[in-house]
Amino acid sequence: MFIDRDRNKITYLIFVPFVLH
């Protein structure tokens, strides 16, 4: 149930630095 939220945080953490770069 709360797996989607955890996965969203991981994707954001990986997507944020990727786009900022």
PDB file of N, CA and C in Angstrom:
ATOM      1  N   MET A   1       0.844  -1.203   0.000  1.00  0.00           N
ATOM      2  CA  MET A   1       0.000   0.000   0.000  1.00  0.00           C
ATOM      3  C   MET A   1       0.882   1.257   0.000  1.00  0.00           C
ATOM      4  N   PHE A   2       1.896   1.218   0.857  1.00  0.00           N
ATOM      5  CA  PHE A   2       2.793   2.383   0.939  1.00  0.00           C
ATOM      6  C   PHE A   2       4.045   2.170   0.095  1.00  0.00           C
ATOM      7  N   ILE A   3       3.971   1.147  -0.738  1.00  0.00           N
ATOM      8  CA  ILE A   3       5.142   0.849  -1.585  1.00  0.00           C
ATOM      9  C   ILE A   3       5.241   1.889  -2.711  1.00  0.00           C
ATOM     10  N   ASP A   4       4.098   2.303  -3.213  1.00  0.00           N
ATOM     11  CA  ASP A   4       4.079   3.291  -4.304  1.00  0.00           C
ATOM     12  C   ASP A   4       4.738   4.599  -3.838  1.00  0.00           C
ATOM     13  N   ARG A   5       4.503   4.927  -2.603  1.00  0.00           N
ATOM     14  CA  ARG A   5       5.047   6.196  -2.077  1.00  0.00           C
ATOM     15  C   ARG A   5       6.577   6.033  -1.954  1.00  0.00           C
ATOM     16  N   ASP A   6       7.023   4.903  -1.491  1.00  0.00           N
ATOM     17  CA  ASP A   6       8.470   4.688  -1.333  1.00  0.00           C
ATOM     18  C   ASP A   6       9.157   4.679  -2.705  1.00  0.00           C
ATOM     19  N   ARG A   7       8.478   4.090  -3.633  1.00  0.00           N
ATOM     20  CA  ARG A   7       9.073   3.988  -4.993  1.00  0.00           C
ATOM     21  C   ARG A   7       9.094   5.385  -5.626  1.00  0.00           C
ATOM     22  N   ASN A   8       8.093   6.156  -5.379  1.00  0.00           N
ATOM     23  CA  ASN A   8       8.039   7.508  -5.946  1.00  0.00           C
ATOM     24  C   ASN A   8       9.200   8.349  -5.408  1.00  0.00           C
ATOM     25  N   LYS A   9       9.513   8.145  -4.148  1.00  0.00           N
ATOM     26  CA  LYS A   9      10.616   8.914  -3.545  1.00  0.00           C
ATOM     27  C   LYS A   9      11.950   8.503  -4.171  1.00  0.00           C
ATOM     28  N   ILE A  10      12.092   7.242  -4.450  1.00  0.00           N
ATOM     29  CA  ILE A  10      13.352   6.752  -5.044  1.00  0.00           C
ATOM     30  C   ILE A  10      13.478   7.263  -6.482  1.00  0.00           C
ATOM     31  N   THR A  11      12.374   7.227  -7.202  1.00  0.00           N
ATOM     32  CA  THR A  11      12.399   7.690  -8.595  1.00  0.00           C
ATOM     33  C   THR A  11      12.705   9.185  -8.646  1.00  0.00           C
ATOM     34  N   TYR A  12      12.157   9.913  -7.700  1.00  0.00           N
ATOM     35  CA  TYR A  12      12.388  11.363  -7.655  1.00  0.00           C
ATOM     36  C   TYR A  12      13.844  11.662  -7.316  1.00  0.00           C
ATOM     37  N   LEU A  13      14.368  10.860  -6.382  1.00  0.00           N
ATOM     38  CA  LEU A  13      15.768  11.061  -5.949  1.00  0.00           C
ATOM     39  C   LEU A  13      16.726  10.772  -7.094  1.00  0.00           C
ATOM     40  N   ILE A  14      16.307   9.900  -7.993  1.00  0.00           N
ATOM     41  CA  ILE A  14      17.180   9.540  -9.126  1.00  0.00           C
ATOM     42  C   ILE A  14      16.912  10.471 -10.317  1.00  0.00           C
ATOM     43  N   PHE A  15      15.675  10.933 -10.423  1.00  0.00           N
ATOM     44  CA  PHE A  15      15.305  11.794 -11.547  1.00  0.00           C
ATOM     45  C   PHE A  15      15.727  13.242 -11.307  1.00  0.00           C
ATOM     46  N   VAL A  16      15.702  13.641 -10.060  1.00  0.00           N
ATOM     47  CA  VAL A  16      16.073  15.032  -9.715  1.00  0.00           C
ATOM     48  C   VAL A  16      17.525  15.323 -10.095  1.00  0.00           C
ATOM     49  N   PRO A  17      18.470  14.511  -9.655  1.00  0.00           N
ATOM     50  CA  PRO A  17      19.877  14.743  -9.999  1.00  0.00           C
ATOM     51  C   PRO A  17      20.145  14.549 -11.494  1.00  0.00           C
ATOM     52  N   PHE A  18      19.358  13.680 -12.097  1.00  0.00           N
ATOM     53  CA  PHE A  18      19.552  13.422 -13.533  1.00  0.00           C
ATOM     54  C   PHE A  18      19.143  14.636 -14.361  1.00  0.00           C
ATOM     55  N   VAL A  19      18.083  15.295 -13.942  1.00  0.00           N
ATOM     56  CA  VAL A  19      17.595  16.475 -14.677  1.00  0.00           C
ATOM     57  C   VAL A  19      18.424  17.706 -14.301  1.00  0.00           C
ATOM     58  N   LEU A  20      18.853  17.751 -13.062  1.00  0.00           N
ATOM     59  CA  LEU A  20      19.653  18.903 -12.612  1.00  0.00           C
ATOM     60  C   LEU A  20      21.022  18.895 -13.280  1.00  0.00           C
ATOM     61  N   HIS A  21      21.481  17.711 -13.567  1.00  0.00           N
ATOM     62  CA  HIS A  21      22.785  17.603 -14.213  1.00  0.00           C
ATOM     63  C   HIS A  21      22.677  18.155 -15.644  1.00  0.00           C
TER      64      HIS A  21
END
